[in-house]
């Protein structure tokens, strides 16, 4: 479990988020929703200790800020929204996910290579393994970085807008992959502006407003909290009665 107590974090000495208490469980997907500037990305960066914080963030009982880099990487993996097409081929990028486990030699074992191959198959990038990252599309790049994060085999995965920039079929593929990882016991924490998509695939939803948590609820509970949703994102949410619809939920004015 990721446990947060009395957390504040921000930039240039100004706090963006102020969270007295919050937790994220293993084996479930939690979507963090809110308007731009609500603190969604800041929260993820604090959990991964990219951003210094005050208070406490513990993963499986260990204070994140007190962990060495490799130990933290074995617990928490983070995928930012903006990804850089560095001068690597796809397989090399995905192999980087194993460096938290390879020891001082950084040589891949047969187990490491198998995990890299499995991650590429899961994200459907195995056929582009020898291509350079700067020669593939933005959506393909996102799936390659996801494969790297999966190969890292961390207990918790943090993803900032993982479905952004993907076509609909790959958005669904992305969320289906995350659903599978959660089923294997991994804690998935994502930020999302696509509320119907994230609610359809999430176990819990954390609503942020101006850096504070309004509520943490299961998607099926949110429909009854119309005022809360409108305060959070400016729209209401309803269960979609059309069984042919792609998503279980829809936004309402």
C-alpha atoms as a PDB file:
ATOM      1  CA  UNK A   1       0.000   0.000   0.000  1.00  0.00           C
ATOM      2  CA  UNK A   2       1.077   3.585  -0.690  1.00  0.00           C
ATOM      3  CA  UNK A   3       0.211   5.647   2.381  1.00  0.00           C
ATOM      4  CA  UNK A   4       0.292   9.447   2.425  1.00  0.00           C
ATOM      5  CA  UNK A   5       0.167  11.531   5.596  1.00  0.00           C
ATOM      6  CA  UNK A   6       0.273  15.318   5.988  1.00  0.00           C
ATOM      7  CA  UNK A   7       1.695  15.764   2.494  1.00  0.00           C
ATOM      8  CA  UNK A   8       2.557  19.077   0.915  1.00  0.00           C
ATOM      9  CA  UNK A   9       4.574  19.568  -2.251  1.00  0.00           C
ATOM     10  CA  UNK A  10       4.959  22.189  -4.921  1.00  0.00           C
ATOM     11  CA  UNK A  11       7.383  24.436  -6.748  1.00  0.00           C
ATOM     12  CA  UNK A  12       9.556  27.398  -5.782  1.00  0.00           C
ATOM     13  CA  UNK A  13       8.496  27.093  -2.164  1.00  0.00           C
ATOM     14  CA  UNK A  14       4.799  27.312  -3.015  1.00  0.00           C
ATOM     15  CA  UNK A  15       2.707  24.204  -2.186  1.00  0.00           C
ATOM     16  CA  UNK A  16       0.496  22.886  -4.982  1.00  0.00           C
ATOM     17  CA  UNK A  17      -0.938  19.917  -3.085  1.00  0.00           C
ATOM     18  CA  UNK A  18      -1.954  19.656   0.575  1.00  0.00           C
ATOM     19  CA  UNK A  19      -3.194  16.187   1.475  1.00  0.00           C
ATOM     20  CA  UNK A  20      -3.729  15.151   5.118  1.00  0.00           C
ATOM     21  CA  UNK A  21      -4.358  11.482   4.344  1.00  0.00           C
ATOM     22  CA  UNK A  22      -4.601   9.307   1.245  1.00  0.00           C
ATOM     23  CA  UNK A  23      -3.800   5.708   0.328  1.00  0.00           C
ATOM     24  CA  UNK A  24      -3.494   3.611  -2.799  1.00  0.00           C
ATOM     25  CA  UNK A  25      -3.815  -0.160  -2.690  1.00  0.00           C
ATOM     26  CA  UNK A  26      -2.071  -2.913  -4.568  1.00  0.00           C
ATOM     27  CA  UNK A  27      -4.067  -4.894  -7.117  1.00  0.00           C
ATOM     28  CA  UNK A  28      -6.274  -1.985  -8.169  1.00  0.00           C
ATOM     29  CA  UNK A  29      -6.384   0.962 -10.560  1.00  0.00           C
ATOM     30  CA  UNK A  30      -6.911   4.390  -9.032  1.00  0.00           C
ATOM     31  CA  UNK A  31      -7.600   7.309 -11.376  1.00  0.00           C
ATOM     32  CA  UNK A  32      -6.766  10.815 -10.190  1.00  0.00           C
ATOM     33  CA  UNK A  33      -9.076  13.309 -11.877  1.00  0.00           C
ATOM     34  CA  UNK A  34      -9.362  17.069 -11.723  1.00  0.00           C
ATOM     35  CA  UNK A  35      -9.016  20.216 -13.791  1.00  0.00           C
ATOM     36  CA  UNK A  36      -5.688  21.538 -15.052  1.00  0.00           C
ATOM     37  CA  UNK A  37      -3.637  22.837 -12.142  1.00  0.00           C
ATOM     38  CA  UNK A  38      -5.409  20.691  -9.566  1.00  0.00           C
ATOM     39  CA  UNK A  39      -2.163  18.909  -8.620  1.00  0.00           C
ATOM     40  CA  UNK A  40      -2.526  15.557 -10.371  1.00  0.00           C
ATOM     41  CA  UNK A  41       0.959  15.428 -11.896  1.00  0.00           C
ATOM     42  CA  UNK A  42       2.480  16.990  -8.792  1.00  0.00           C
ATOM     43  CA  UNK A  43       1.091  14.168  -6.679  1.00  0.00           C
ATOM     44  CA  UNK A  44       2.631  11.511  -8.923  1.00  0.00           C
ATOM     45  CA  UNK A  45       6.002  13.264  -8.896  1.00  0.00           C
ATOM     46  CA  UNK A  46       5.938  13.428  -5.113  1.00  0.00           C
ATOM     47  CA  UNK A  47       5.137   9.713  -4.808  1.00  0.00           C
ATOM     48  CA  UNK A  48       8.144   8.924  -7.029  1.00  0.00           C
ATOM     49  CA  UNK A  49      10.296  11.437  -5.107  1.00  0.00           C
ATOM     50  CA  UNK A  50      11.024  13.374  -8.291  1.00  0.00           C
ATOM     51  CA  UNK A  51       9.608  16.315  -6.392  1.00  0.00           C
ATOM     52  CA  UNK A  52      10.700  16.910  -2.813  1.00  0.00           C
ATOM     53  CA  UNK A  53       7.876  16.831  -0.328  1.00  0.00           C
ATOM     54  CA  UNK A  54       6.997  17.537   3.284  1.00  0.00           C
ATOM     55  CA  UNK A  55       5.126  14.934   5.285  1.00  0.00           C
ATOM     56  CA  UNK A  56       5.196  11.202   4.689  1.00  0.00           C
ATOM     57  CA  UNK A  57       4.809   8.954   1.645  1.00  0.00           C
ATOM     58  CA  UNK A  58       5.341   5.273   2.356  1.00  0.00           C
ATOM     59  CA  UNK A  59       5.253   2.379  -0.104  1.00  0.00           C
ATOM     60  CA  UNK A  60       4.864  -0.995   1.623  1.00  0.00           C
ATOM     61  CA  UNK A  61       5.872   0.684   4.869  1.00  0.00           C
ATOM     62  CA  UNK A  62       9.052   2.306   3.503  1.00  0.00           C
ATOM     63  CA  UNK A  63       9.432   6.077   3.370  1.00  0.00           C
ATOM     64  CA  UNK A  64       9.947   6.956  -0.296  1.00  0.00           C
ATOM     65  CA  UNK A  65      12.327   9.842   0.371  1.00  0.00           C
ATOM     66  CA  UNK A  66      14.588   7.584   2.447  1.00  0.00           C
ATOM     67  CA  UNK A  67      15.131   4.949  -0.245  1.00  0.00           C
ATOM     68  CA  UNK A  68      18.086   4.661  -2.563  1.00  0.00           C
ATOM     69  CA  UNK A  69      17.299   5.028  -6.249  1.00  0.00           C
ATOM     70  CA  UNK A  70      17.389   1.336  -7.180  1.00  0.00           C
ATOM     71  CA  UNK A  71      15.404   0.283  -4.118  1.00  0.00           C
ATOM     72  CA  UNK A  72      12.757   2.877  -4.927  1.00  0.00           C
ATOM     73  CA  UNK A  73      12.686   1.730  -8.564  1.00  0.00           C
ATOM     74  CA  UNK A  74      11.887  -1.805  -7.451  1.00  0.00           C
ATOM     75  CA  UNK A  75       8.899  -0.432  -5.556  1.00  0.00           C
ATOM     76  CA  UNK A  76       7.645   2.391  -7.785  1.00  0.00           C
ATOM     77  CA  UNK A  77       7.802   2.976 -11.553  1.00  0.00           C
ATOM     78  CA  UNK A  78       6.795   6.312 -13.073  1.00  0.00           C
ATOM     79  CA  UNK A  79       5.825   7.186 -16.639  1.00  0.00           C
ATOM     80  CA  UNK A  80       5.498  10.940 -17.301  1.00  0.00           C
ATOM     81  CA  UNK A  81       3.130  12.455 -19.809  1.00  0.00           C
ATOM     82  CA  UNK A  82       5.889  13.917 -21.983  1.00  0.00           C
ATOM     83  CA  UNK A  83       8.176  11.244 -23.431  1.00  0.00           C
ATOM     84  CA  UNK A  84      11.478  11.861 -25.209  1.00  0.00           C
ATOM     85  CA  UNK A  85      12.354   9.888 -28.366  1.00  0.00           C
ATOM     86  CA  UNK A  86      15.978   9.301 -27.315  1.00  0.00           C
ATOM     87  CA  UNK A  87      18.474   7.755 -29.742  1.00  0.00           C
ATOM     88  CA  UNK A  88      17.826   4.133 -28.777  1.00  0.00           C
ATOM     89  CA  UNK A  89      16.102   1.246 -30.439  1.00  0.00           C
ATOM     90  CA  UNK A  90      12.921  -0.119 -28.892  1.00  0.00           C
ATOM     91  CA  UNK A  91      14.445  -3.235 -27.349  1.00  0.00           C
ATOM     92  CA  UNK A  92      17.238  -1.245 -25.670  1.00  0.00           C
ATOM     93  CA  UNK A  93      14.697   1.163 -24.174  1.00  0.00           C
ATOM     94  CA  UNK A  94      12.563  -1.652 -22.785  1.00  0.00           C
ATOM     95  CA  UNK A  95      15.697  -3.378 -21.430  1.00  0.00           C
ATOM     96  CA  UNK A  96      16.395  -0.263 -19.337  1.00  0.00           C
ATOM     97  CA  UNK A  97      13.438  -1.293 -17.210  1.00  0.00           C
ATOM     98  CA  UNK A  98      15.479  -4.208 -15.851  1.00  0.00           C
ATOM     99  CA  UNK A  99      18.409  -2.139 -14.550  1.00  0.00           C
ATOM    100  CA  UNK A 100      16.910  -1.919 -11.070  1.00  0.00           C
ATOM    101  CA  UNK A 101      17.275  -5.713 -10.897  1.00  0.00           C
ATOM    102  CA  UNK A 102      20.506  -6.517 -12.765  1.00  0.00           C
ATOM    103  CA  UNK A 103      23.026  -5.597 -10.076  1.00  0.00           C
ATOM    104  CA  UNK A 104      26.325  -3.823 -10.571  1.00  0.00           C
ATOM    105  CA  UNK A 105      27.108  -5.560 -13.880  1.00  0.00           C
ATOM    106  CA  UNK A 106      23.929  -4.302 -15.587  1.00  0.00           C
ATOM    107  CA  UNK A 107      24.000  -7.464 -17.698  1.00  0.00           C
ATOM    108  CA  UNK A 108      20.663  -8.991 -18.569  1.00  0.00           C
ATOM    109  CA  UNK A 109      20.093 -12.550 -17.438  1.00  0.00           C
ATOM    110  CA  UNK A 110      17.877 -14.988 -19.295  1.00  0.00           C
ATOM    111  CA  UNK A 111      15.091 -14.053 -16.854  1.00  0.00           C
ATOM    112  CA  UNK A 112      15.607 -10.356 -17.619  1.00  0.00           C
ATOM    113  CA  UNK A 113      15.511 -10.971 -21.376  1.00  0.00           C
ATOM    114  CA  UNK A 114      12.326 -13.000 -21.006  1.00  0.00           C
ATOM    115  CA  UNK A 115      10.676 -10.196 -19.032  1.00  0.00           C
ATOM    116  CA  UNK A 116      11.712  -7.679 -21.694  1.00  0.00           C
ATOM    117  CA  UNK A 117      10.280  -9.880 -24.447  1.00  0.00           C
ATOM    118  CA  UNK A 118       7.048 -10.454 -22.515  1.00  0.00           C
ATOM    119  CA  UNK A 119       6.621  -6.714 -21.913  1.00  0.00           C
ATOM    120  CA  UNK A 120       7.020  -5.991 -25.626  1.00  0.00           C
ATOM    121  CA  UNK A 121       4.497  -8.667 -26.536  1.00  0.00           C
ATOM    122  CA  UNK A 122       2.003  -7.369 -23.968  1.00  0.00           C
ATOM    123  CA  UNK A 123       2.208  -3.835 -25.391  1.00  0.00           C
ATOM    124  CA  UNK A 124       2.303  -5.017 -29.018  1.00  0.00           C
ATOM    125  CA  UNK A 125       5.680  -3.462 -29.858  1.00  0.00           C
ATOM    126  CA  UNK A 126       7.629  -6.693 -30.455  1.00  0.00           C
ATOM    127  CA  UNK A 127       7.600  -6.210 -34.225  1.00  0.00           C
ATOM    128  CA  UNK A 128       9.336  -2.833 -33.919  1.00  0.00           C
ATOM    129  CA  UNK A 129      12.044  -3.977 -31.469  1.00  0.00           C
ATOM    130  CA  UNK A 130      14.893  -2.935 -33.799  1.00  0.00           C
ATOM    131  CA  UNK A 131      13.432   0.425 -34.818  1.00  0.00           C
ATOM    132  CA  UNK A 132      14.778   3.718 -33.489  1.00  0.00           C
ATOM    133  CA  UNK A 133      12.532   5.632 -31.108  1.00  0.00           C
ATOM    134  CA  UNK A 134      12.823   8.843 -33.123  1.00  0.00           C
ATOM    135  CA  UNK A 135      11.413   7.049 -36.160  1.00  0.00           C
ATOM    136  CA  UNK A 136       8.125   5.851 -34.655  1.00  0.00           C
ATOM    137  CA  UNK A 137       4.834   7.626 -33.944  1.00  0.00           C
ATOM    138  CA  UNK A 138       3.927   9.277 -30.650  1.00  0.00           C
ATOM    139  CA  UNK A 139       1.412   6.546 -29.830  1.00  0.00           C
ATOM    140  CA  UNK A 140       3.961   3.833 -30.573  1.00  0.00           C
ATOM    141  CA  UNK A 141       6.507   5.657 -28.421  1.00  0.00           C
ATOM    142  CA  UNK A 142       4.052   5.673 -25.508  1.00  0.00           C
ATOM    143  CA  UNK A 143       3.541   1.914 -25.794  1.00  0.00           C
ATOM    144  CA  UNK A 144       7.321   1.361 -25.908  1.00  0.00           C
ATOM    145  CA  UNK A 145       7.811   3.340 -22.704  1.00  0.00           C
ATOM    146  CA  UNK A 146       4.953   1.422 -21.109  1.00  0.00           C
ATOM    147  CA  UNK A 147       6.762  -1.798 -22.013  1.00  0.00           C
ATOM    148  CA  UNK A 148       9.857  -0.464 -20.231  1.00  0.00           C
ATOM    149  CA  UNK A 149       7.819   0.295 -17.124  1.00  0.00           C
ATOM    150  CA  UNK A 150       6.223  -3.163 -17.203  1.00  0.00           C
ATOM    151  CA  UNK A 151       9.659  -4.781 -17.530  1.00  0.00           C
ATOM    152  CA  UNK A 152      10.720  -2.863 -14.409  1.00  0.00           C
ATOM    153  CA  UNK A 153       8.352  -5.132 -12.459  1.00  0.00           C
ATOM    154  CA  UNK A 154       7.683  -2.613  -9.699  1.00  0.00           C
ATOM    155  CA  UNK A 155       5.025  -3.029  -7.038  1.00  0.00           C
ATOM    156  CA  UNK A 156       3.349   0.242  -8.037  1.00  0.00           C
ATOM    157  CA  UNK A 157       3.118   1.958 -11.430  1.00  0.00           C
ATOM    158  CA  UNK A 158       2.399   5.687 -11.754  1.00  0.00           C
ATOM    159  CA  UNK A 159       1.248   6.939 -15.157  1.00  0.00           C
ATOM    160  CA  UNK A 160       0.553  10.543 -16.095  1.00  0.00           C
ATOM    161  CA  UNK A 161      -2.182  10.616 -18.772  1.00  0.00           C
ATOM    162  CA  UNK A 162      -1.256   7.177 -20.182  1.00  0.00           C
ATOM    163  CA  UNK A 163      -3.989   7.151 -22.837  1.00  0.00           C
ATOM    164  CA  UNK A 164      -3.436  10.713 -24.091  1.00  0.00           C
ATOM    165  CA  UNK A 165      -2.442  10.890 -27.751  1.00  0.00           C
ATOM    166  CA  UNK A 166      -3.529   7.331 -28.515  1.00  0.00           C
ATOM    167  CA  UNK A 167      -6.264   6.401 -30.951  1.00  0.00           C
ATOM    168  CA  UNK A 168      -9.375   4.818 -29.438  1.00  0.00           C
ATOM    169  CA  UNK A 169      -8.321   1.216 -30.056  1.00  0.00           C
ATOM    170  CA  UNK A 170      -4.964   1.774 -28.378  1.00  0.00           C
ATOM    171  CA  UNK A 171      -6.568   3.704 -25.516  1.00  0.00           C
ATOM    172  CA  UNK A 172      -8.668   0.629 -24.797  1.00  0.00           C
ATOM    173  CA  UNK A 173      -5.622  -1.585 -25.267  1.00  0.00           C
ATOM    174  CA  UNK A 174      -3.661   0.572 -22.803  1.00  0.00           C
ATOM    175  CA  UNK A 175      -6.362   0.395 -20.138  1.00  0.00           C
ATOM    176  CA  UNK A 176      -6.865  -3.332 -20.703  1.00  0.00           C
ATOM    177  CA  UNK A 177      -3.146  -3.870 -20.106  1.00  0.00           C
ATOM    178  CA  UNK A 178      -3.341  -1.845 -16.886  1.00  0.00           C
ATOM    179  CA  UNK A 179      -6.389  -3.837 -15.834  1.00  0.00           C
ATOM    180  CA  UNK A 180      -4.402  -7.041 -16.361  1.00  0.00           C
ATOM    181  CA  UNK A 181      -1.449  -5.729 -14.342  1.00  0.00           C
ATOM    182  CA  UNK A 182      -3.776  -4.791 -11.491  1.00  0.00           C
ATOM    183  CA  UNK A 183      -5.157  -8.326 -11.627  1.00  0.00           C
ATOM    184  CA  UNK A 184      -1.609  -9.564 -11.026  1.00  0.00           C
ATOM    185  CA  UNK A 185      -1.412  -7.531  -7.812  1.00  0.00           C
ATOM    186  CA  UNK A 186       0.289  -4.369  -9.046  1.00  0.00           C
ATOM    187  CA  UNK A 187      -1.012  -1.044  -7.787  1.00  0.00           C
ATOM    188  CA  UNK A 188      -1.791   1.277 -10.705  1.00  0.00           C
ATOM    189  CA  UNK A 189      -2.157   5.033 -10.157  1.00  0.00           C
ATOM    190  CA  UNK A 190      -3.009   7.166 -13.187  1.00  0.00           C
ATOM    191  CA  UNK A 191      -3.966  10.741 -13.907  1.00  0.00           C
ATOM    192  CA  UNK A 192      -6.586  11.289 -16.558  1.00  0.00           C
ATOM    193  CA  UNK A 193      -8.589  13.985 -18.307  1.00  0.00           C
ATOM    194  CA  UNK A 194     -10.648  11.316 -20.081  1.00  0.00           C
ATOM    195  CA  UNK A 195     -13.109  10.738 -17.268  1.00  0.00           C
ATOM    196  CA  UNK A 196     -15.434   8.224 -19.005  1.00  0.00           C
ATOM    197  CA  UNK A 197     -12.447   6.090 -20.032  1.00  0.00           C
ATOM    198  CA  UNK A 198     -10.766   6.148 -16.639  1.00  0.00           C
ATOM    199  CA  UNK A 199     -13.962   5.456 -14.681  1.00  0.00           C
ATOM    200  CA  UNK A 200     -14.775   2.513 -16.947  1.00  0.00           C
ATOM    201  CA  UNK A 201     -11.510   0.767 -16.085  1.00  0.00           C
ATOM    202  CA  UNK A 202     -10.763   2.004 -12.549  1.00  0.00           C
ATOM    203  CA  UNK A 203     -11.480   0.518  -9.150  1.00  0.00           C
ATOM    204  CA  UNK A 204     -11.339   3.874  -7.363  1.00  0.00           C
ATOM    205  CA  UNK A 205     -11.360   7.527  -8.322  1.00  0.00           C
ATOM    206  CA  UNK A 206      -9.525  10.264  -6.434  1.00  0.00           C
ATOM    207  CA  UNK A 207     -11.023  13.715  -7.073  1.00  0.00           C
ATOM    208  CA  UNK A 208      -8.626  16.652  -6.720  1.00  0.00           C
ATOM    209  CA  UNK A 209      -9.499  20.332  -6.610  1.00  0.00           C
ATOM    210  CA  UNK A 210      -6.923  23.073  -6.017  1.00  0.00           C
ATOM    211  CA  UNK A 211      -4.455  20.582  -4.592  1.00  0.00           C
ATOM    212  CA  UNK A 212      -6.881  19.044  -2.098  1.00  0.00           C
ATOM    213  CA  UNK A 213      -8.712  15.722  -2.146  1.00  0.00           C
ATOM    214  CA  UNK A 214     -12.469  16.174  -2.466  1.00  0.00           C
ATOM    215  CA  UNK A 215     -13.279  12.465  -2.240  1.00  0.00           C
ATOM    216  CA  UNK A 216     -12.024   8.984  -3.047  1.00  0.00           C
ATOM    217  CA  UNK A 217     -14.806   6.702  -4.271  1.00  0.00           C
ATOM    218  CA  UNK A 218     -15.586   3.725  -6.436  1.00  0.00           C
ATOM    219  CA  UNK A 219     -16.910   4.654  -9.900  1.00  0.00           C
ATOM    220  CA  UNK A 220     -20.350   3.231  -9.197  1.00  0.00           C
ATOM    221  CA  UNK A 221     -20.648   5.538  -6.166  1.00  0.00           C
ATOM    222  CA  UNK A 222     -19.801   8.693  -8.081  1.00  0.00           C
ATOM    223  CA  UNK A 223     -23.056   8.989 -10.018  1.00  0.00           C
ATOM    224  CA  UNK A 224     -24.794   9.860  -6.755  1.00  0.00           C
ATOM    225  CA  UNK A 225     -22.211  12.613  -6.112  1.00  0.00           C
ATOM    226  CA  UNK A 226     -23.190  14.888  -8.979  1.00  0.00           C
ATOM    227  CA  UNK A 227     -22.357  18.111  -7.128  1.00  0.00           C
ATOM    228  CA  UNK A 228     -18.939  16.755  -6.155  1.00  0.00           C
ATOM    229  CA  UNK A 229     -18.098  15.778  -9.727  1.00  0.00           C
ATOM    230  CA  UNK A 230     -19.198  19.152 -11.056  1.00  0.00           C
ATOM    231  CA  UNK A 231     -17.002  20.846  -8.467  1.00  0.00           C
ATOM    232  CA  UNK A 232     -14.087  18.629  -9.477  1.00  0.00           C
ATOM    233  CA  UNK A 233     -14.216  18.689 -13.291  1.00  0.00           C
ATOM    234  CA  UNK A 234     -17.119  20.986 -14.186  1.00  0.00           C
ATOM    235  CA  UNK A 235     -19.384  18.175 -15.442  1.00  0.00           C
ATOM    236  CA  UNK A 236     -21.624  15.496 -14.038  1.00  0.00           C
ATOM    237  CA  UNK A 237     -21.278  11.787 -14.727  1.00  0.00           C
ATOM    238  CA  UNK A 238     -23.893   9.164 -15.516  1.00  0.00           C
ATOM    239  CA  UNK A 239     -23.862   5.448 -16.142  1.00  0.00           C
ATOM    240  CA  UNK A 240     -24.265   4.913 -19.866  1.00  0.00           C
ATOM    241  CA  UNK A 241     -27.421   2.925 -20.537  1.00  0.00           C
ATOM    242  CA  UNK A 242     -26.371   2.102 -24.084  1.00  0.00           C
ATOM    243  CA  UNK A 243     -24.844  -1.388 -23.988  1.00  0.00           C
ATOM    244  CA  UNK A 244     -23.140  -0.776 -27.347  1.00  0.00           C
ATOM    245  CA  UNK A 245     -21.220   2.238 -25.972  1.00  0.00           C
ATOM    246  CA  UNK A 246     -17.455   1.896 -25.579  1.00  0.00           C
ATOM    247  CA  UNK A 247     -17.450   3.282 -22.046  1.00  0.00           C
ATOM    248  CA  UNK A 248     -19.677   2.540 -19.103  1.00  0.00           C
ATOM    249  CA  UNK A 249     -19.925   6.218 -18.129  1.00  0.00           C
ATOM    250  CA  UNK A 250     -20.697   9.466 -19.931  1.00  0.00           C
ATOM    251  CA  UNK A 251     -20.292  13.130 -19.066  1.00  0.00           C
ATOM    252  CA  UNK A 252     -23.267  15.466 -18.720  1.00  0.00           C
ATOM    253  CA  UNK A 253     -23.491  19.257 -18.781  1.00  0.00           C
END
